[in-house]
Amino acid sequence: MMNMKATLRLAGLVWACTLVTSAAFGQQYQSIVKMNPFGLFTGQYMIGYEHMLNDQMSVQLMPGFISSNGDQNSSLGAYNNRLERSKTGFIVIPEFRYYVSPDATGAPHGLYLAAFVRYLSAKWDWNDVRDEGYTYYDDVTGTTLEGSADVSRDDQRDAIGGGITIGYAYYTSGGAMVEAFIGPQFKSVSFTRNYLSEDISSVEQGDVYFGQKYIDASLGGSENTGMGLRFGVNIGFGF
């Protein structure tokens, strides 16, 4: 009999907790799956999950992978030099949100503030496919040389940082959502470059040779250490 009473009490407690939880969450969605649509055009594929902790706070995790390929013809003119490049890596952004002004339907629909941490690791592989059947004037040595230097190289970039954003999330009655956000961030970035040819004795020399042949759209000139601005748009579905 005592076990039956304890069981009934436990069942009643669980039922009461369920009612309280349901009342606390009201009309809101408790889980949201989302993605960054603009990343599809830049080779950065991110999909994330947001989970509501209560009626105004949530945690979110947005991981993703980086993959893109391309090529570039040489600036030397008629010669058949081509630079093949591929970019690979990953990114992960954990985030905490506080919904300052939820919509009438309840958070996560409404205005929010967020604090986040961001880590990115990306590697660019550059493969120089050369036409060696010509001569050219070398600015480094001041002489006329046959062929051209092999400027194949690897670039590695790692960035860690964090910041805050302000955003707004809008949900339809069916659960589809779109959100936009913007805010300051700080990043600490490390960058390394390695030329693969034995003909190149230093990174500085390699950069000169590289600039003679190709437009240097490298990782070295983007996303440097310091303050910056983070902004974006996500789309998804709440349930």
Protein backbone atom coordinates (compact mmCIF):
# COMPACT_ATOMS: atom_id res chain seq x y z
CA MET A 1 0.00 0.00 0.00
CA MET A 2 2.84 2.36 0.86
CA ASN A 3 4.48 1.64 -2.51
CA MET A 4 1.20 2.40 -4.27
CA LYS A 5 0.87 5.72 -2.42
CA ALA A 6 4.47 6.63 -3.24
CA THR A 7 3.87 5.78 -6.86
CA LEU A 8 0.74 7.95 -6.98
CA ARG A 9 2.57 10.83 -5.33
CA LEU A 10 5.42 10.52 -7.84
CA ALA A 11 2.99 10.38 -10.76
CA GLY A 12 1.22 13.47 -9.42
CA LEU A 13 4.52 15.32 -9.08
CA VAL A 14 5.54 14.45 -12.64
CA TRP A 15 2.12 15.59 -13.93
CA ALA A 16 2.39 18.87 -12.04
CA CYS A 17 5.87 19.49 -13.41
CA THR A 18 4.58 18.80 -16.92
CA LEU A 19 1.78 21.32 -16.47
CA VAL A 20 4.17 23.95 -15.10
CA THR A 21 6.60 23.38 -17.98
CA SER A 22 3.82 23.59 -20.53
CA ALA A 23 2.51 26.79 -18.98
CA ALA A 24 5.99 28.29 -18.89
CA PHE A 25 6.62 27.61 -22.56
CA GLY A 26 3.13 28.63 -23.60
CA GLN A 27 2.84 29.06 -27.34
CA GLN A 28 6.54 29.06 -28.14
CA TYR A 29 8.65 26.56 -30.04
CA GLN A 30 11.12 24.71 -27.84
CA SER A 31 13.49 23.47 -30.57
CA ILE A 32 14.62 25.14 -33.79
CA VAL A 33 16.70 23.73 -36.64
CA LYS A 34 18.25 26.41 -38.86
CA MET A 35 20.83 27.08 -41.56
CA ASN A 36 22.77 29.95 -43.12
CA PRO A 37 21.48 30.27 -46.73
CA PHE A 38 24.16 32.73 -47.91
CA GLY A 39 26.95 30.36 -46.91
CA LEU A 40 25.90 28.07 -49.76
CA PHE A 41 27.27 30.65 -52.21
CA THR A 42 30.66 30.93 -50.46
CA GLY A 43 31.34 27.26 -49.77
CA GLN A 44 30.48 27.50 -46.05
CA TYR A 45 27.76 25.03 -45.14
CA MET A 46 26.28 25.59 -41.67
CA ILE A 47 23.34 23.97 -39.94
CA GLY A 48 22.45 24.57 -36.30
CA TYR A 49 20.13 23.79 -33.43
CA GLU A 50 18.60 26.18 -30.88
CA HIS A 51 16.98 24.89 -27.68
CA MET A 52 14.83 27.02 -25.37
CA LEU A 53 15.82 26.81 -21.68
CA ASN A 54 12.76 28.77 -20.52
CA ASP A 55 10.40 31.41 -21.90
CA GLN A 56 13.22 33.94 -22.55
CA MET A 57 16.58 32.11 -22.71
CA SER A 58 18.07 29.61 -25.14
CA VAL A 59 21.33 27.97 -26.17
CA GLN A 60 22.40 27.39 -29.76
CA LEU A 61 25.12 25.50 -31.61
CA MET A 62 25.96 26.27 -35.28
CA PRO A 63 28.63 23.95 -36.72
CA GLY A 64 29.58 23.79 -40.38
CA PHE A 65 32.17 22.68 -42.89
CA ILE A 66 34.01 24.65 -45.56
CA SER A 67 34.57 23.36 -49.08
CA SER A 68 35.16 25.28 -52.32
CA ASN A 69 37.21 24.94 -55.50
CA GLY A 70 38.25 27.20 -58.34
CA ASP A 71 40.99 28.12 -60.77
CA GLN A 72 42.66 31.20 -62.19
CA ASN A 73 44.53 31.81 -65.43
CA SER A 74 47.96 33.42 -65.30
CA SER A 75 48.43 37.16 -65.77
CA LEU A 76 51.40 36.42 -68.05
CA GLY A 77 49.20 36.50 -71.15
CA ALA A 78 49.26 33.75 -73.75
CA TYR A 79 51.12 31.19 -71.69
CA ASN A 80 49.26 28.22 -70.27
CA ASN A 81 49.69 28.83 -66.55
CA ARG A 82 46.75 27.97 -64.34
CA LEU A 83 46.29 28.11 -60.58
CA GLU A 84 44.02 25.42 -59.15
CA ARG A 85 42.83 26.14 -55.64
CA SER A 86 40.74 24.31 -53.07
CA LYS A 87 39.58 25.44 -49.64
CA THR A 88 38.61 23.06 -46.82
CA GLY A 89 37.92 23.46 -43.11
CA PHE A 90 35.29 23.78 -40.44
CA ILE A 91 33.58 26.37 -38.25
CA VAL A 92 31.65 26.12 -34.98
CA ILE A 93 29.68 28.85 -33.13
CA PRO A 94 28.10 28.17 -29.70
CA GLU A 95 25.73 30.91 -28.55
CA PHE A 96 23.57 31.97 -25.60
CA ARG A 97 20.45 34.07 -26.22
CA TYR A 98 18.18 36.23 -24.11
CA TYR A 99 14.88 37.29 -25.69
CA VAL A 100 14.41 40.86 -24.52
CA SER A 101 11.02 41.45 -26.10
CA PRO A 102 9.29 38.26 -27.20
CA ASP A 103 6.43 38.60 -29.67
CA ALA A 104 2.85 38.01 -28.52
CA THR A 105 3.25 34.37 -29.57
CA GLY A 106 6.19 34.05 -27.17
CA ALA A 107 9.94 33.51 -27.58
CA PRO A 108 11.77 32.54 -29.70
CA HIS A 109 9.70 34.94 -31.81
CA GLY A 110 11.02 38.44 -31.12
CA LEU A 111 13.98 40.67 -30.29
CA TYR A 112 17.00 39.05 -28.63
CA LEU A 113 20.55 39.68 -27.41
CA ALA A 114 23.18 36.98 -27.86
CA ALA A 115 26.71 36.22 -26.69
CA PHE A 116 28.75 33.83 -28.83
CA VAL A 117 32.13 32.17 -29.30
CA ARG A 118 33.44 31.44 -32.80
CA TYR A 119 36.21 29.10 -33.99
CA LEU A 120 37.25 28.64 -37.62
CA SER A 121 40.00 26.55 -39.18
CA ALA A 122 40.56 26.71 -42.95
CA LYS A 123 43.26 25.51 -45.34
CA TRP A 124 43.79 26.65 -48.93
CA ASP A 125 45.76 24.40 -51.30
CA TRP A 126 47.15 26.21 -54.36
CA ASN A 127 48.44 24.06 -57.24
CA ASP A 128 50.43 25.92 -59.91
CA VAL A 129 50.02 24.19 -63.29
CA ARG A 130 52.83 25.72 -65.38
CA ASP A 131 53.74 26.21 -69.01
CA GLU A 132 57.55 26.23 -69.01
CA GLY A 133 58.01 26.93 -72.72
CA TYR A 134 58.83 30.65 -72.58
CA THR A 135 61.28 33.16 -71.14
CA TYR A 136 60.52 36.10 -68.89
CA TYR A 137 62.28 38.85 -66.95
CA ASP A 138 62.55 38.08 -63.24
CA ASP A 139 62.16 41.15 -61.01
CA VAL A 140 63.80 39.37 -58.08
CA THR A 141 67.10 38.41 -59.72
CA GLY A 142 67.11 41.03 -62.48
CA THR A 143 67.76 38.42 -65.16
CA THR A 144 65.87 36.71 -67.97
CA LEU A 145 64.85 33.19 -67.05
CA GLU A 146 63.28 30.26 -68.81
CA GLY A 147 59.95 29.05 -67.54
CA SER A 148 58.54 30.35 -64.27
CA ALA A 149 58.80 29.49 -60.62
CA ASP A 150 56.43 26.89 -59.23
CA VAL A 151 54.31 28.91 -56.77
CA SER A 152 52.28 26.00 -55.41
CA ARG A 153 51.64 26.63 -51.73
CA ASP A 154 49.50 25.89 -48.67
CA ASP A 155 47.81 28.57 -46.54
CA GLN A 156 46.44 27.73 -43.09
CA ARG A 157 44.23 30.09 -41.09
CA ASP A 158 42.84 29.56 -37.58
CA ALA A 159 40.61 32.16 -35.92
CA ILE A 160 39.06 32.16 -32.46
CA GLY A 161 36.95 34.93 -30.99
CA GLY A 162 33.62 36.01 -29.67
CA GLY A 163 31.21 38.88 -29.32
CA ILE A 164 27.61 39.97 -28.91
CA THR A 165 24.79 40.49 -31.38
CA ILE A 166 21.31 41.92 -31.45
CA GLY A 167 18.77 40.17 -33.62
CA TYR A 168 15.16 39.52 -34.41
CA ALA A 169 13.52 36.16 -35.14
CA TYR A 170 10.23 35.90 -37.01
CA TYR A 171 8.10 32.75 -37.07
CA THR A 172 5.10 31.90 -39.21
CA SER A 173 2.12 30.02 -37.81
CA GLY A 174 3.46 26.86 -39.44
CA GLY A 175 6.84 27.09 -37.71
CA ALA A 176 8.97 28.41 -40.58
CA MET A 177 11.39 31.07 -39.37
CA VAL A 178 13.83 33.72 -40.53
CA GLU A 179 16.16 35.74 -38.33
CA ALA A 180 18.68 38.52 -38.86
CA PHE A 181 21.44 39.68 -36.50
CA ILE A 182 24.35 42.10 -36.26
CA GLY A 183 26.96 43.01 -33.65
CA PRO A 184 30.64 43.52 -32.77
CA GLN A 185 33.14 40.70 -32.44
CA PHE A 186 36.82 40.26 -31.59
CA LYS A 187 39.05 37.68 -33.31
CA SER A 188 42.53 36.34 -32.69
CA VAL A 189 43.90 34.95 -35.96
CA SER A 190 46.96 32.82 -36.72
CA PHE A 191 48.16 32.39 -40.30
CA THR A 192 50.92 30.29 -41.84
CA ARG A 193 52.08 29.94 -45.47
CA ASN A 194 54.32 27.28 -46.98
CA TYR A 195 55.66 27.28 -50.56
CA LEU A 196 56.17 23.75 -51.81
CA SER A 197 58.83 24.34 -54.48
CA GLU A 198 62.52 23.91 -53.66
CA ASP A 199 63.20 26.86 -56.00
CA ILE A 200 61.64 29.25 -53.46
CA SER A 201 63.80 29.94 -50.42
CA SER A 202 61.44 32.18 -48.44
CA VAL A 203 57.80 33.20 -48.16
CA GLU A 204 58.72 36.74 -49.17
CA GLN A 205 60.38 35.53 -52.36
CA GLY A 206 57.47 33.23 -53.08
CA ASP A 207 54.98 36.07 -52.69
CA VAL A 208 56.88 38.14 -55.26
CA TYR A 209 56.89 35.25 -57.76
CA PHE A 210 53.24 34.58 -57.03
CA GLY A 211 52.28 38.20 -57.69
CA GLN A 212 54.04 38.10 -61.06
CA LYS A 213 51.75 35.33 -62.25
CA TYR A 214 48.44 35.46 -60.39
CA ILE A 215 46.05 37.69 -58.50
CA ASP A 216 46.67 36.91 -54.83
CA ALA A 217 43.15 36.43 -53.43
CA SER A 218 44.51 34.61 -50.40
CA LEU A 219 43.58 34.03 -46.79
CA GLY A 220 46.44 36.29 -45.75
CA GLY A 221 44.50 39.46 -46.51
CA SER A 222 41.19 38.56 -44.89
CA GLU A 223 39.80 38.26 -41.38
CA ASN A 224 42.72 39.69 -39.41
CA THR A 225 43.10 39.86 -35.64
CA GLY A 226 41.09 42.61 -33.96
CA MET A 227 37.61 44.03 -33.79
CA GLY A 228 35.11 43.41 -36.53
CA LEU A 229 31.43 43.14 -37.33
CA ARG A 230 29.40 39.96 -37.44
CA PHE A 231 26.08 39.91 -39.24
CA GLY A 232 23.95 37.35 -41.00
CA VAL A 233 20.63 35.71 -41.73
CA ASN A 234 19.37 32.24 -40.81
CA ILE A 235 16.31 30.35 -41.96
CA GLY A 236 14.82 27.27 -40.35
CA PHE A 237 11.89 25.55 -38.70
CA GLY A 238 10.63 25.46 -35.11
CA PHE A 239 8.89 22.55 -33.43
